[in-house]
Amino acid sequence: MELSDVTQQALGAALRGAQARHQALAGNIANATTPGYVRQDVDFHATLQAALGAGRSPRDTVFTPSRDPAAGTVRADGSTIDIDNESAKLAANVLEYQAIVAVKEARGSIVKAALGVG
């Protein structure tokens, strides 16, 4: 049974956003020693908030990685990747993903209990 209310749709979109961010952060780590590499990130919070604020369906929200304009060069070869910082961001993103999954599942369980199913 899948809920289709806006909150549940937004939680699903947040999961997709966190997954897109995970891929961007993992790509940053993989390219930490690539000369001139500029870090990328996905601000899925702002993207989802903008979509909801504009009345667009969370299901249609697309999360695209973009170059981080605030990233400064941290290596002599021009790379903007600080491996420790990226690793910390990746770990935080994993925790957030797990929290979103827990909330999404809890909401589903509450509705199922209210309906007397499952």
C-alpha atoms as a PDB file:
ATOM      1  CA  MET A   1       0.000   0.000   0.000  1.00  0.00           C
ATOM      2  CA  GLU A   2       1.443   3.360  -1.005  1.00  0.00           C
ATOM      3  CA  LEU A   3       0.194   6.689   0.245  1.00  0.00           C
ATOM      4  CA  SER A   4      -0.213   9.394  -2.326  1.00  0.00           C
ATOM      5  CA  ASP A   5      -0.622  12.489  -0.176  1.00  0.00           C
ATOM      6  CA  VAL A   6       1.749  15.421  -0.675  1.00  0.00           C
ATOM      7  CA  THR A   7       3.746  14.684   2.466  1.00  0.00           C
ATOM      8  CA  GLN A   8       4.441  11.098   1.440  1.00  0.00           C
ATOM      9  CA  GLN A   9       5.312  12.269  -2.079  1.00  0.00           C
ATOM     10  CA  ALA A  10       7.680  14.869  -0.618  1.00  0.00           C
ATOM     11  CA  LEU A  11       9.347  12.184   1.504  1.00  0.00           C
ATOM     12  CA  GLY A  12       9.809  10.049  -1.610  1.00  0.00           C
ATOM     13  CA  ALA A  13      11.287  13.015  -3.443  1.00  0.00           C
ATOM     14  CA  ALA A  14      13.589  13.722  -0.494  1.00  0.00           C
ATOM     15  CA  LEU A  15      14.855  10.140  -0.752  1.00  0.00           C
ATOM     16  CA  ARG A  16      15.622  10.674  -4.436  1.00  0.00           C
ATOM     17  CA  GLY A  17      17.322  13.964  -3.574  1.00  0.00           C
ATOM     18  CA  ALA A  18      19.445  12.379  -0.859  1.00  0.00           C
ATOM     19  CA  GLN A  19      20.404   9.632  -3.293  1.00  0.00           C
ATOM     20  CA  ALA A  20      21.427  12.213  -5.912  1.00  0.00           C
ATOM     21  CA  ARG A  21      23.477  14.023  -3.278  1.00  0.00           C
ATOM     22  CA  HIS A  22      25.102  10.765  -2.241  1.00  0.00           C
ATOM     23  CA  GLN A  23      26.186  10.148  -5.840  1.00  0.00           C
ATOM     24  CA  ALA A  24      27.599  13.675  -6.135  1.00  0.00           C
ATOM     25  CA  LEU A  25      29.530  13.398  -2.863  1.00  0.00           C
ATOM     26  CA  ALA A  26      30.853   9.943  -3.771  1.00  0.00           C
ATOM     27  CA  GLY A  27      31.938  11.370  -7.128  1.00  0.00           C
ATOM     28  CA  ASN A  28      33.785  14.137  -5.322  1.00  0.00           C
ATOM     29  CA  ILE A  29      35.629  11.615  -3.198  1.00  0.00           C
ATOM     30  CA  ALA A  30      36.457   9.500  -6.246  1.00  0.00           C
ATOM     31  CA  ASN A  31      37.886  12.574  -7.990  1.00  0.00           C
ATOM     32  CA  ALA A  32      39.746  14.031  -5.018  1.00  0.00           C
ATOM     33  CA  THR A  33      43.100  13.626  -6.775  1.00  0.00           C
ATOM     34  CA  THR A  34      41.900  14.709 -10.223  1.00  0.00           C
ATOM     35  CA  PRO A  35      43.747  17.929 -11.099  1.00  0.00           C
ATOM     36  CA  GLY A  36      41.382  20.894 -11.404  1.00  0.00           C
ATOM     37  CA  TYR A  37      38.312  18.963 -10.295  1.00  0.00           C
ATOM     38  CA  VAL A  38      35.569  21.230  -8.919  1.00  0.00           C
ATOM     39  CA  ARG A  39      33.321  19.737  -6.251  1.00  0.00           C
ATOM     40  CA  GLN A  40      29.675  19.142  -7.011  1.00  0.00           C
ATOM     41  CA  ASP A  41      26.716  18.938  -4.714  1.00  0.00           C
ATOM     42  CA  VAL A  42      22.949  18.580  -4.797  1.00  0.00           C
ATOM     43  CA  ASP A  43      20.967  20.988  -2.622  1.00  0.00           C
ATOM     44  CA  PHE A  44      17.901  18.796  -2.565  1.00  0.00           C
ATOM     45  CA  HIS A  45      16.414  20.651   0.414  1.00  0.00           C
ATOM     46  CA  ALA A  46      16.215  23.944  -1.486  1.00  0.00           C
ATOM     47  CA  THR A  47      15.086  22.236  -4.699  1.00  0.00           C
ATOM     48  CA  LEU A  48      12.262  20.409  -2.951  1.00  0.00           C
ATOM     49  CA  GLN A  49      11.257  23.488  -0.956  1.00  0.00           C
ATOM     50  CA  ALA A  50      11.093  25.564  -4.147  1.00  0.00           C
ATOM     51  CA  ALA A  51       8.963  22.936  -5.885  1.00  0.00           C
ATOM     52  CA  LEU A  52       6.533  22.700  -2.995  1.00  0.00           C
ATOM     53  CA  GLY A  53       6.415  26.484  -2.636  1.00  0.00           C
ATOM     54  CA  ALA A  54       5.545  26.813  -6.318  1.00  0.00           C
ATOM     55  CA  GLY A  55       2.797  24.219  -6.003  1.00  0.00           C
ATOM     56  CA  ARG A  56       4.585  21.653  -8.200  1.00  0.00           C
ATOM     57  CA  SER A  57       4.255  17.956  -7.495  1.00  0.00           C
ATOM     58  CA  PRO A  58       7.149  16.492  -5.513  1.00  0.00           C
ATOM     59  CA  ARG A  59       7.001  13.497  -7.862  1.00  0.00           C
ATOM     60  CA  ASP A  60       8.154  15.703 -10.745  1.00  0.00           C
ATOM     61  CA  THR A  61      11.054  17.259  -8.858  1.00  0.00           C
ATOM     62  CA  VAL A  62      14.438  16.668 -10.491  1.00  0.00           C
ATOM     63  CA  PHE A  63      17.639  16.787  -8.456  1.00  0.00           C
ATOM     64  CA  THR A  64      20.663  17.762 -10.498  1.00  0.00           C
ATOM     65  CA  PRO A  65      24.227  18.069  -9.262  1.00  0.00           C
ATOM     66  CA  SER A  66      25.871  21.419  -9.807  1.00  0.00           C
ATOM     67  CA  ARG A  67      29.320  22.833  -9.316  1.00  0.00           C
ATOM     68  CA  ASP A  68      29.834  24.428  -5.938  1.00  0.00           C
ATOM     69  CA  PRO A  69      30.670  28.093  -6.610  1.00  0.00           C
ATOM     70  CA  ALA A  70      31.883  28.530  -3.037  1.00  0.00           C
ATOM     71  CA  ALA A  71      34.442  25.729  -3.310  1.00  0.00           C
ATOM     72  CA  GLY A  72      37.954  27.053  -3.130  1.00  0.00           C
ATOM     73  CA  THR A  73      41.091  25.318  -4.258  1.00  0.00           C
ATOM     74  CA  VAL A  74      42.467  23.140  -1.472  1.00  0.00           C
ATOM     75  CA  ARG A  75      45.169  21.267  -3.370  1.00  0.00           C
ATOM     76  CA  ALA A  76      48.174  22.424  -5.337  1.00  0.00           C
ATOM     77  CA  ASP A  77      46.803  20.706  -8.453  1.00  0.00           C
ATOM     78  CA  GLY A  78      43.694  22.935  -8.403  1.00  0.00           C
ATOM     79  CA  SER A  79      41.279  20.358  -6.971  1.00  0.00           C
ATOM     80  CA  THR A  80      38.606  21.772  -4.677  1.00  0.00           C
ATOM     81  CA  ILE A  81      38.061  18.509  -2.770  1.00  0.00           C
ATOM     82  CA  ASP A  82      38.849  18.252   0.921  1.00  0.00           C
ATOM     83  CA  ILE A  83      38.493  14.508   1.440  1.00  0.00           C
ATOM     84  CA  ASP A  84      37.746  14.817   5.170  1.00  0.00           C
ATOM     85  CA  ASN A  85      35.014  17.380   4.556  1.00  0.00           C
ATOM     86  CA  GLU A  86      33.459  15.302   1.761  1.00  0.00           C
ATOM     87  CA  SER A  87      33.545  12.161   3.907  1.00  0.00           C
ATOM     88  CA  ALA A  88      31.771  13.973   6.746  1.00  0.00           C
ATOM     89  CA  LYS A  89      29.114  15.312   4.360  1.00  0.00           C
ATOM     90  CA  LEU A  90      28.618  11.834   2.917  1.00  0.00           C
ATOM     91  CA  ALA A  91      28.160  10.331   6.398  1.00  0.00           C
ATOM     92  CA  ALA A  92      25.656  13.046   7.356  1.00  0.00           C
ATOM     93  CA  ASN A  93      23.743  12.461   4.134  1.00  0.00           C
ATOM     94  CA  VAL A  94      23.518   8.720   4.852  1.00  0.00           C
ATOM     95  CA  LEU A  95      22.057   9.472   8.287  1.00  0.00           C
ATOM     96  CA  GLU A  96      19.538  11.859   6.767  1.00  0.00           C
ATOM     97  CA  TYR A  97      18.534   9.279   4.162  1.00  0.00           C
ATOM     98  CA  GLN A  98      17.967   6.707   6.915  1.00  0.00           C
ATOM     99  CA  ALA A  99      15.862   9.192   8.889  1.00  0.00           C
ATOM    100  CA  ILE A 100      13.685   9.940   5.863  1.00  0.00           C
ATOM    101  CA  VAL A 101      13.171   6.203   5.279  1.00  0.00           C
ATOM    102  CA  ALA A 102      12.136   5.759   8.912  1.00  0.00           C
ATOM    103  CA  VAL A 103       9.610   8.617   8.754  1.00  0.00           C
ATOM    104  CA  LYS A 104       8.186   7.408   5.434  1.00  0.00           C
ATOM    105  CA  GLU A 105       7.758   3.861   6.776  1.00  0.00           C
ATOM    106  CA  ALA A 106       6.246   5.080  10.058  1.00  0.00           C
ATOM    107  CA  ARG A 107       3.655   7.159   8.213  1.00  0.00           C
ATOM    108  CA  GLY A 108       2.732   4.139   6.120  1.00  0.00           C
ATOM    109  CA  SER A 109       2.371   1.957   9.204  1.00  0.00           C
ATOM    110  CA  ILE A 110       0.125   4.514  10.907  1.00  0.00           C
ATOM    111  CA  VAL A 111      -2.203   4.667   7.924  1.00  0.00           C
ATOM    112  CA  LYS A 112      -2.299   0.881   7.598  1.00  0.00           C
ATOM    113  CA  ALA A 113      -3.163   0.573  11.285  1.00  0.00           C
ATOM    114  CA  ALA A 114      -5.880   3.198  10.951  1.00  0.00           C
ATOM    115  CA  LEU A 115      -7.345   1.335   7.992  1.00  0.00           C
ATOM    116  CA  GLY A 116      -7.024  -2.023   9.747  1.00  0.00           C
ATOM    117  CA  VAL A 117      -4.858  -3.552   7.032  1.00  0.00           C
ATOM    118  CA  GLY A 118      -1.463  -5.236   7.085  1.00  0.00           C
END
